[in-house]
């Protein structure tokens, strides 16, 4: 059963790949699911982890991150993007991530997803880099 996140003030941490940084800021592509993501953006819940620990787990699992930015459940909801729990079990040599969640862009066409990603980027930039 999928559990939707309901605390509009909860910050969701987004890892930004080094290739998606433009100078000191993330590109809007950082807040847009790629085709392999099946319209869902991976985030980590601040109710269950910190930005530092989220970064450590992500990079410790062999992925690259230049920075952690955050958006609230309410900011996603304001773009008609629901967020749901999606804890990950340990597998393939990767550590478990009980704080993992998804922002679901599925209801929106690709062009609308890009517009929403640009709006989300502005909100994340206003909050500022959370780690490192």
C-alpha atoms as a PDB file:
ATOM      1  CA  UNK A   1       0.000   0.000   0.000  1.00  0.00           C
ATOM      2  CA  UNK A   2       1.321   3.421  -0.951  1.00  0.00           C
ATOM      3  CA  UNK A   3       1.269   5.986   1.843  1.00  0.00           C
ATOM      4  CA  UNK A   4       1.011   9.603   0.753  1.00  0.00           C
ATOM      5  CA  UNK A   5       3.030  12.150   2.739  1.00  0.00           C
ATOM      6  CA  UNK A   6       0.761  14.667   4.427  1.00  0.00           C
ATOM      7  CA  UNK A   7       2.978  17.022   6.464  1.00  0.00           C
ATOM      8  CA  UNK A   8       3.250  20.020   4.132  1.00  0.00           C
ATOM      9  CA  UNK A   9       6.178  21.381   6.186  1.00  0.00           C
ATOM     10  CA  UNK A  10       8.342  18.262   5.882  1.00  0.00           C
ATOM     11  CA  UNK A  11      11.450  18.956   3.793  1.00  0.00           C
ATOM     12  CA  UNK A  12      12.387  16.359   1.180  1.00  0.00           C
ATOM     13  CA  UNK A  13      16.072  16.167   0.300  1.00  0.00           C
ATOM     14  CA  UNK A  14      17.085  15.964  -3.363  1.00  0.00           C
ATOM     15  CA  UNK A  15      20.592  14.877  -4.373  1.00  0.00           C
ATOM     16  CA  UNK A  16      22.024  16.907  -7.267  1.00  0.00           C
ATOM     17  CA  UNK A  17      24.373  15.130  -9.674  1.00  0.00           C
ATOM     18  CA  UNK A  18      27.567  17.110 -10.442  1.00  0.00           C
ATOM     19  CA  UNK A  19      26.579  17.176 -14.126  1.00  0.00           C
ATOM     20  CA  UNK A  20      23.386  19.040 -13.223  1.00  0.00           C
ATOM     21  CA  UNK A  21      25.167  21.906 -11.463  1.00  0.00           C
ATOM     22  CA  UNK A  22      25.430  25.250 -13.242  1.00  0.00           C
ATOM     23  CA  UNK A  23      28.159  27.024 -11.305  1.00  0.00           C
ATOM     24  CA  UNK A  24      27.017  26.936  -7.677  1.00  0.00           C
ATOM     25  CA  UNK A  25      23.356  26.226  -8.459  1.00  0.00           C
ATOM     26  CA  UNK A  26      21.466  23.161  -9.654  1.00  0.00           C
ATOM     27  CA  UNK A  27      19.799  23.177 -13.056  1.00  0.00           C
ATOM     28  CA  UNK A  28      16.046  22.596 -13.202  1.00  0.00           C
ATOM     29  CA  UNK A  29      16.921  19.154 -14.624  1.00  0.00           C
ATOM     30  CA  UNK A  30      17.804  18.199 -11.027  1.00  0.00           C
ATOM     31  CA  UNK A  31      14.113  18.426 -10.140  1.00  0.00           C
ATOM     32  CA  UNK A  32      12.808  16.553 -13.171  1.00  0.00           C
ATOM     33  CA  UNK A  33      12.467  12.770 -13.378  1.00  0.00           C
ATOM     34  CA  UNK A  34      14.472  11.120 -16.154  1.00  0.00           C
ATOM     35  CA  UNK A  35      12.822   8.523 -18.443  1.00  0.00           C
ATOM     36  CA  UNK A  36      14.312   5.657 -16.387  1.00  0.00           C
ATOM     37  CA  UNK A  37      12.658   7.150 -13.260  1.00  0.00           C
ATOM     38  CA  UNK A  38       9.175   6.432 -14.659  1.00  0.00           C
ATOM     39  CA  UNK A  39       7.941   9.956 -13.816  1.00  0.00           C
ATOM     40  CA  UNK A  40       8.997   9.694 -10.161  1.00  0.00           C
ATOM     41  CA  UNK A  41      11.650  11.820  -8.492  1.00  0.00           C
ATOM     42  CA  UNK A  42      13.683  10.242  -5.663  1.00  0.00           C
ATOM     43  CA  UNK A  43      13.907  12.217  -2.429  1.00  0.00           C
ATOM     44  CA  UNK A  44      14.657  11.520   1.230  1.00  0.00           C
ATOM     45  CA  UNK A  45      12.399  12.524   4.111  1.00  0.00           C
ATOM     46  CA  UNK A  46      13.676  14.982   6.733  1.00  0.00           C
ATOM     47  CA  UNK A  47      11.361  13.316   9.280  1.00  0.00           C
ATOM     48  CA  UNK A  48      13.606  10.233   9.052  1.00  0.00           C
ATOM     49  CA  UNK A  49      17.097  11.525   8.183  1.00  0.00           C
ATOM     50  CA  UNK A  50      19.263  14.630   7.890  1.00  0.00           C
ATOM     51  CA  UNK A  51      20.622  16.264   4.743  1.00  0.00           C
ATOM     52  CA  UNK A  52      24.125  15.155   5.779  1.00  0.00           C
ATOM     53  CA  UNK A  53      23.092  11.532   6.384  1.00  0.00           C
ATOM     54  CA  UNK A  54      21.051  11.473   3.165  1.00  0.00           C
ATOM     55  CA  UNK A  55      24.137  12.615   1.249  1.00  0.00           C
ATOM     56  CA  UNK A  56      26.345  10.078   3.031  1.00  0.00           C
ATOM     57  CA  UNK A  57      24.032   7.162   2.276  1.00  0.00           C
ATOM     58  CA  UNK A  58      23.585   8.213  -1.351  1.00  0.00           C
ATOM     59  CA  UNK A  59      27.292   8.644  -2.056  1.00  0.00           C
ATOM     60  CA  UNK A  60      28.129   5.590   0.065  1.00  0.00           C
ATOM     61  CA  UNK A  61      25.907   3.554  -2.246  1.00  0.00           C
ATOM     62  CA  UNK A  62      28.117   4.554  -5.183  1.00  0.00           C
ATOM     63  CA  UNK A  63      26.143   7.492  -6.572  1.00  0.00           C
ATOM     64  CA  UNK A  64      27.486  10.994  -7.210  1.00  0.00           C
ATOM     65  CA  UNK A  65      26.070  14.096  -5.547  1.00  0.00           C
ATOM     66  CA  UNK A  66      27.426  17.638  -5.643  1.00  0.00           C
ATOM     67  CA  UNK A  67      24.821  19.065  -3.271  1.00  0.00           C
ATOM     68  CA  UNK A  68      21.618  18.441  -1.371  1.00  0.00           C
ATOM     69  CA  UNK A  69      18.679  20.779  -1.901  1.00  0.00           C
ATOM     70  CA  UNK A  70      15.272  20.586  -0.304  1.00  0.00           C
ATOM     71  CA  UNK A  71      11.632  21.072  -1.162  1.00  0.00           C
ATOM     72  CA  UNK A  72       8.671  20.655   1.150  1.00  0.00           C
ATOM     73  CA  UNK A  73       5.803  18.247   0.645  1.00  0.00           C
ATOM     74  CA  UNK A  74       3.626  21.379   0.386  1.00  0.00           C
ATOM     75  CA  UNK A  75       5.774  22.860  -2.379  1.00  0.00           C
ATOM     76  CA  UNK A  76       5.387  19.664  -4.389  1.00  0.00           C
ATOM     77  CA  UNK A  77       1.656  19.603  -3.610  1.00  0.00           C
ATOM     78  CA  UNK A  78       1.426  23.211  -4.844  1.00  0.00           C
ATOM     79  CA  UNK A  79       2.554  21.883  -8.241  1.00  0.00           C
ATOM     80  CA  UNK A  80       0.007  19.016  -8.088  1.00  0.00           C
ATOM     81  CA  UNK A  81       2.796  16.511  -7.412  1.00  0.00           C
ATOM     82  CA  UNK A  82       1.951  14.049  -4.639  1.00  0.00           C
ATOM     83  CA  UNK A  83       4.734  12.566  -2.533  1.00  0.00           C
ATOM     84  CA  UNK A  84       4.666   9.003  -1.236  1.00  0.00           C
ATOM     85  CA  UNK A  85       6.730   6.817   1.073  1.00  0.00           C
ATOM     86  CA  UNK A  86       9.084   4.447  -0.762  1.00  0.00           C
ATOM     87  CA  UNK A  87      11.539   2.909   1.729  1.00  0.00           C
ATOM     88  CA  UNK A  88      14.272   0.903   0.021  1.00  0.00           C
ATOM     89  CA  UNK A  89      15.546  -2.422   1.305  1.00  0.00           C
ATOM     90  CA  UNK A  90      19.209  -3.301   1.113  1.00  0.00           C
ATOM     91  CA  UNK A  91      20.007  -5.004  -2.195  1.00  0.00           C
ATOM     92  CA  UNK A  92      22.823  -5.515  -4.682  1.00  0.00           C
ATOM     93  CA  UNK A  93      25.390  -4.383  -2.121  1.00  0.00           C
ATOM     94  CA  UNK A  94      23.564  -1.114  -1.481  1.00  0.00           C
ATOM     95  CA  UNK A  95      22.493  -0.055   2.009  1.00  0.00           C
ATOM     96  CA  UNK A  96      18.818   0.192   2.925  1.00  0.00           C
ATOM     97  CA  UNK A  97      17.206   3.637   2.858  1.00  0.00           C
ATOM     98  CA  UNK A  98      14.122   3.804   5.105  1.00  0.00           C
ATOM     99  CA  UNK A  99      13.821   7.586   4.441  1.00  0.00           C
ATOM    100  CA  UNK A 100      13.400   7.211   0.654  1.00  0.00           C
ATOM    101  CA  UNK A 101      10.265   8.710  -0.883  1.00  0.00           C
ATOM    102  CA  UNK A 102       9.002   9.636  -4.342  1.00  0.00           C
ATOM    103  CA  UNK A 103       7.538  12.800  -5.839  1.00  0.00           C
ATOM    104  CA  UNK A 104       5.111  11.562  -8.484  1.00  0.00           C
ATOM    105  CA  UNK A 105       5.027  13.612 -11.716  1.00  0.00           C
ATOM    106  CA  UNK A 106       3.044  10.930 -13.564  1.00  0.00           C
ATOM    107  CA  UNK A 107      -0.150  12.980 -14.011  1.00  0.00           C
ATOM    108  CA  UNK A 108       1.709  15.611 -16.057  1.00  0.00           C
ATOM    109  CA  UNK A 109       2.865  15.595 -19.678  1.00  0.00           C
ATOM    110  CA  UNK A 110       6.628  15.997 -20.262  1.00  0.00           C
ATOM    111  CA  UNK A 111       6.314  19.697 -21.184  1.00  0.00           C
ATOM    112  CA  UNK A 112       4.343  20.403 -17.973  1.00  0.00           C
ATOM    113  CA  UNK A 113       6.903  18.417 -15.964  1.00  0.00           C
ATOM    114  CA  UNK A 114       9.663  20.722 -17.236  1.00  0.00           C
ATOM    115  CA  UNK A 115       7.677  23.819 -16.241  1.00  0.00           C
ATOM    116  CA  UNK A 116       7.033  22.389 -12.789  1.00  0.00           C
ATOM    117  CA  UNK A 117      10.727  21.467 -12.384  1.00  0.00           C
ATOM    118  CA  UNK A 118      11.689  25.092 -13.108  1.00  0.00           C
ATOM    119  CA  UNK A 119       9.273  26.319 -10.428  1.00  0.00           C
ATOM    120  CA  UNK A 120      10.552  23.743  -7.933  1.00  0.00           C
ATOM    121  CA  UNK A 121      14.152  24.754  -8.664  1.00  0.00           C
ATOM    122  CA  UNK A 122      13.326  28.359  -7.708  1.00  0.00           C
ATOM    123  CA  UNK A 123      11.862  27.212  -4.385  1.00  0.00           C
ATOM    124  CA  UNK A 124      14.887  24.988  -3.695  1.00  0.00           C
ATOM    125  CA  UNK A 125      17.260  27.866  -4.512  1.00  0.00           C
ATOM    126  CA  UNK A 126      15.358  30.187  -2.176  1.00  0.00           C
ATOM    127  CA  UNK A 127      15.857  27.628   0.620  1.00  0.00           C
ATOM    128  CA  UNK A 128      19.541  27.282  -0.286  1.00  0.00           C
ATOM    129  CA  UNK A 129      21.964  24.375  -0.364  1.00  0.00           C
ATOM    130  CA  UNK A 130      21.391  22.123   2.642  1.00  0.00           C
ATOM    131  CA  UNK A 131      24.604  20.062   2.393  1.00  0.00           C
ATOM    132  CA  UNK A 132      27.594  20.131   2.036  1.00  0.00           C
END
